[in-house]
Protein backbone atom coordinates (compact mmCIF):
# COMPACT_ATOMS: atom_id res chain seq x y z
CA MET A 1 88.07 -47.16 -23.02
CA SER A 2 89.80 -44.03 -21.74
CA GLU A 3 92.89 -43.91 -19.52
CA HIS A 4 90.49 -43.41 -16.58
CA GLY A 5 88.63 -46.67 -17.34
CA LEU A 6 85.55 -44.92 -18.76
CA ARG A 7 83.81 -46.47 -21.77
CA ILE A 8 81.84 -43.67 -23.45
CA GLY A 9 78.23 -44.55 -24.23
CA ALA A 10 76.59 -41.19 -24.83
CA ALA A 11 77.88 -37.60 -24.91
CA ASP A 12 76.25 -34.28 -25.21
CA VAL A 13 76.62 -30.61 -24.34
CA ARG A 14 73.95 -29.23 -22.08
CA SER A 15 73.52 -25.68 -20.84
CA ALA A 16 70.58 -23.33 -20.23
CA GLY A 17 72.59 -20.38 -21.74
CA PRO A 18 76.09 -20.11 -23.12
CA ILE A 19 77.85 -23.46 -23.23
CA THR A 20 79.51 -24.07 -19.78
CA PHE A 21 79.82 -27.84 -19.57
CA GLY A 22 79.33 -31.13 -21.36
CA LEU A 23 78.06 -34.39 -20.03
CA ILE A 24 79.44 -37.85 -20.90
CA ALA A 25 77.65 -41.06 -19.89
CA GLY A 26 79.54 -44.29 -19.83
CA LEU A 27 80.80 -47.35 -17.92
CA SER A 28 83.81 -47.35 -15.63
CA ASN A 29 85.72 -50.16 -13.94
CA GLU A 30 84.77 -48.92 -10.50
CA GLU A 31 82.13 -50.42 -8.08
CA PHE A 32 79.47 -48.11 -9.43
CA SER A 33 80.29 -48.70 -13.09
CA SER A 34 77.54 -46.52 -14.57
CA LYS A 35 78.86 -42.93 -14.41
CA LEU A 36 77.92 -39.49 -15.61
CA ARG A 37 80.86 -37.10 -15.96
CA ARG A 38 80.76 -33.32 -16.28
CA ILE A 39 83.41 -31.69 -18.46
CA PRO A 40 83.84 -27.91 -18.13
CA PHE A 41 83.86 -25.65 -21.15
CA PRO A 42 86.28 -24.05 -22.02
CA PHE A 43 88.00 -27.41 -21.47
CA SER A 44 90.16 -27.97 -18.45
CA ASP A 45 91.39 -30.90 -16.31
CA GLU A 46 88.57 -30.35 -13.72
CA VAL A 47 86.40 -33.29 -14.84
CA THR A 48 83.95 -34.51 -12.15
CA GLY A 49 81.91 -37.63 -12.07
CA SER A 50 78.83 -39.07 -10.34
CA ASN A 51 77.91 -42.72 -9.80
CA LEU A 52 74.44 -43.70 -10.96
CA GLU A 53 71.94 -46.18 -9.55
CA ILE A 54 68.56 -46.97 -11.02
CA PHE A 55 65.75 -49.48 -10.65
CA HIS A 56 65.71 -51.70 -13.73
CA VAL A 57 62.07 -52.68 -14.19
CA SER A 58 62.55 -55.58 -16.60
CA HIS A 59 65.31 -57.04 -14.36
CA GLY A 60 63.32 -56.37 -11.24
CA LYS A 61 66.24 -54.93 -9.20
CA TRP A 62 68.36 -51.94 -8.43
CA GLU A 63 71.42 -51.73 -10.66
CA THR A 64 74.65 -49.67 -10.89
CA ALA A 65 75.99 -51.10 -14.13
CA ALA A 66 73.21 -50.29 -16.63
CA PRO A 67 74.48 -48.34 -19.61
CA ILE A 68 72.86 -45.06 -20.72
CA ARG A 69 72.00 -45.07 -24.43
CA ALA A 70 70.81 -41.45 -24.84
CA PHE A 71 69.79 -38.44 -22.72
CA VAL A 72 68.25 -35.03 -23.06
CA PRO A 73 68.02 -31.90 -20.90
CA TYR A 74 64.81 -31.53 -18.89
CA ASP A 75 63.01 -28.95 -16.78
CA GLY A 76 64.85 -26.01 -18.26
CA GLY A 77 68.24 -27.69 -17.91
CA ARG A 78 67.82 -28.44 -14.24
CA SER A 79 67.67 -32.20 -14.83
CA ILE A 80 68.15 -34.83 -17.49
CA LEU A 81 66.10 -37.74 -18.80
CA ALA A 82 68.19 -40.78 -19.64
CA SER A 83 67.22 -43.87 -21.62
CA TYR A 84 68.94 -47.14 -20.81
CA THR A 85 69.54 -50.38 -22.68
CA CYS A 86 66.45 -52.66 -22.32
CA THR A 87 64.88 -50.05 -21.57
CA PRO A 88 64.14 -47.80 -18.52
CA VAL A 89 63.67 -44.00 -18.86
CA VAL A 90 65.07 -42.39 -15.77
CA HIS A 91 65.00 -38.79 -14.37
CA PHE A 92 68.07 -37.26 -12.67
CA PRO A 93 68.15 -33.74 -11.16
CA LEU A 94 71.49 -32.07 -11.98
CA ALA A 95 71.68 -30.98 -8.31
CA ASP A 96 72.10 -34.64 -7.34
CA LEU A 97 75.05 -35.11 -9.67
CA ALA A 98 77.65 -33.85 -7.17
CA PRO A 99 81.29 -34.86 -7.71
CA GLY A 100 81.85 -38.35 -6.29
CA ALA A 101 78.28 -38.75 -5.08
CA LYS A 102 75.84 -41.54 -5.81
CA ALA A 103 72.83 -40.29 -7.70
CA VAL A 104 69.72 -42.46 -7.48
CA GLY A 105 67.48 -41.89 -10.46
CA ARG A 106 63.67 -41.91 -10.60
CA THR A 107 62.62 -44.59 -13.08
CA VAL A 108 59.48 -43.25 -14.89
CA ALA A 109 59.00 -45.65 -17.82
CA GLU A 110 59.94 -49.05 -19.26
CA LEU A 111 59.89 -49.12 -23.08
CA GLY A 112 59.67 -52.90 -23.55
CA ALA A 113 61.77 -56.00 -23.75
CA MET A 114 63.78 -57.04 -26.85
CA ASN A 115 64.19 -53.33 -27.61
CA GLN A 116 66.81 -50.61 -27.31
CA PRO A 117 66.25 -46.80 -27.22
CA LEU A 118 68.40 -45.15 -29.90
CA ASP A 119 67.87 -41.40 -29.51
CA MET A 120 65.61 -38.87 -27.78
CA VAL A 121 64.49 -35.28 -28.32
CA SER A 122 61.99 -33.07 -26.53
CA PHE A 123 59.58 -30.80 -28.38
CA ALA A 124 56.64 -28.48 -27.73
CA GLN A 125 53.13 -29.15 -29.04
CA ASP A 126 50.07 -26.99 -28.27
CA GLY A 127 52.08 -25.33 -25.49
CA GLU A 128 53.02 -28.59 -23.79
CA GLU A 129 56.38 -30.33 -23.77
CA HIS A 130 56.77 -33.91 -25.01
CA LEU A 131 59.55 -36.50 -25.25
CA LEU A 132 60.11 -38.42 -28.47
CA VAL A 133 62.06 -41.65 -28.32
CA ALA A 134 63.45 -43.63 -31.27
CA ASN A 135 63.62 -47.41 -30.60
CA SER A 136 65.17 -50.43 -32.30
CA SER A 137 61.96 -52.56 -32.21
CA HIS A 138 59.05 -50.08 -31.99
CA GLY A 139 57.90 -46.96 -33.72
CA LEU A 140 58.57 -43.53 -32.30
CA VAL A 141 57.34 -43.30 -28.69
CA LYS A 142 55.82 -39.99 -27.60
CA ILE A 143 55.51 -39.18 -23.87
CA ALA A 144 53.88 -36.09 -22.35
CA CYS A 145 56.34 -34.45 -19.93
CA ARG A 146 53.44 -33.63 -17.53
CA ASP A 147 53.03 -37.42 -17.12
CA ILE A 148 56.76 -37.76 -16.32
CA ASP A 149 56.48 -35.01 -13.67
CA SER A 150 53.66 -36.81 -11.93
CA GLN A 151 55.02 -40.36 -12.22
CA VAL A 152 55.88 -42.01 -8.93
CA PRO A 153 59.24 -43.92 -9.01
CA LEU A 154 58.96 -47.41 -10.43
CA THR A 155 60.52 -49.74 -7.88
CA GLU A 156 59.04 -53.09 -8.78
CA PRO A 157 58.24 -55.00 -12.01
CA ARG A 158 54.71 -54.35 -13.15
CA GLU A 159 52.48 -53.76 -16.16
CA PRO A 160 51.74 -51.24 -17.54
CA VAL A 161 55.17 -49.89 -16.81
CA GLY A 162 55.22 -46.22 -16.00
CA VAL A 163 53.98 -43.19 -17.85
CA PRO A 164 51.36 -43.36 -20.55
CA ARG A 165 52.83 -43.27 -23.99
CA GLU A 166 51.76 -43.07 -27.69
CA THR A 167 53.55 -45.13 -30.33
CA LYS A 168 53.82 -43.62 -33.82
CA ASP A 169 53.86 -45.95 -36.80
CA MET A 170 57.37 -44.82 -37.91
CA GLY A 171 59.93 -47.61 -37.86
CA GLY A 172 63.60 -47.62 -38.79
CA ILE A 173 64.41 -44.28 -37.19
CA THR A 174 67.84 -44.25 -35.54
CA ARG A 175 68.64 -40.52 -34.89
CA LEU A 176 66.59 -37.50 -33.96
CA ALA A 177 67.38 -33.76 -33.79
CA ASN A 178 65.33 -30.57 -33.24
CA LEU A 179 64.92 -28.30 -36.22
CA GLY A 180 63.78 -24.96 -34.91
CA GLY A 181 60.58 -25.22 -32.85
CA SER A 182 58.39 -26.63 -35.62
CA HIS A 183 60.12 -29.76 -36.92
CA VAL A 184 62.12 -32.78 -35.78
CA LEU A 185 64.75 -34.25 -38.08
CA ALA A 186 64.74 -38.03 -38.30
CA LEU A 187 67.30 -40.32 -39.89
CA GLN A 188 65.40 -43.39 -41.13
CA SER A 189 66.66 -46.67 -42.65
CA GLY A 190 64.53 -47.98 -45.45
CA ASP A 191 64.47 -51.03 -47.68
CA GLY A 192 67.91 -52.27 -48.76
CA GLY A 193 69.54 -50.32 -45.95
CA ARG A 194 69.08 -46.98 -47.68
CA LYS A 195 68.96 -43.97 -45.28
CA HIS A 196 66.59 -41.05 -45.57
CA LEU A 197 66.58 -37.76 -43.74
CA ARG A 198 62.99 -36.82 -42.92
CA SER A 199 61.55 -33.61 -41.53
CA LEU A 200 58.62 -34.26 -39.13
CA LYS A 201 56.20 -31.49 -38.21
CA THR A 202 55.88 -31.33 -34.43
CA ALA A 203 52.24 -30.32 -34.84
CA SER A 204 51.54 -33.64 -36.51
CA LEU A 205 53.40 -35.92 -34.10
């Protein structure tokens, strides 16, 4: 917990060109406890924050306290996709993240109960962008970004929940990272708790 009452849940640097800011997602002790803060780079004291509200499909209600587990830049850096604990995937335009404002996200997917998203990356395959999500209880989940773009906001519990997705038979993956444009690095836990670093061809995903 920081001196400002922010518990950091996910952090990343996001910029379409040279690094100009970083984003930190976490929980604060304010009324809207789920927050996304923007930190300028080079660093200064001008840290701004936005309150977040989402529709939580599995809980069947709007929430302001759900924690973000991971997020990635989207739409050329003009927005982000955030995955939440148990387990909505939500779209936020950066233009909505004004200092002190309440940003209402567009929930586009629910990844299933008894599960947690662990990490996300985006990658290109056959000229189209896709999202890859590592989960605690499922294999890798692959979602076409064109389906995210056309998905109407989820505002009530229902099945199936949101965008179509494809589940890859790859369990135990906890971290993901892009390696050039042709591979994704995956940290995978095997038998006995041993960890393996795998290189996955994006053409085969």
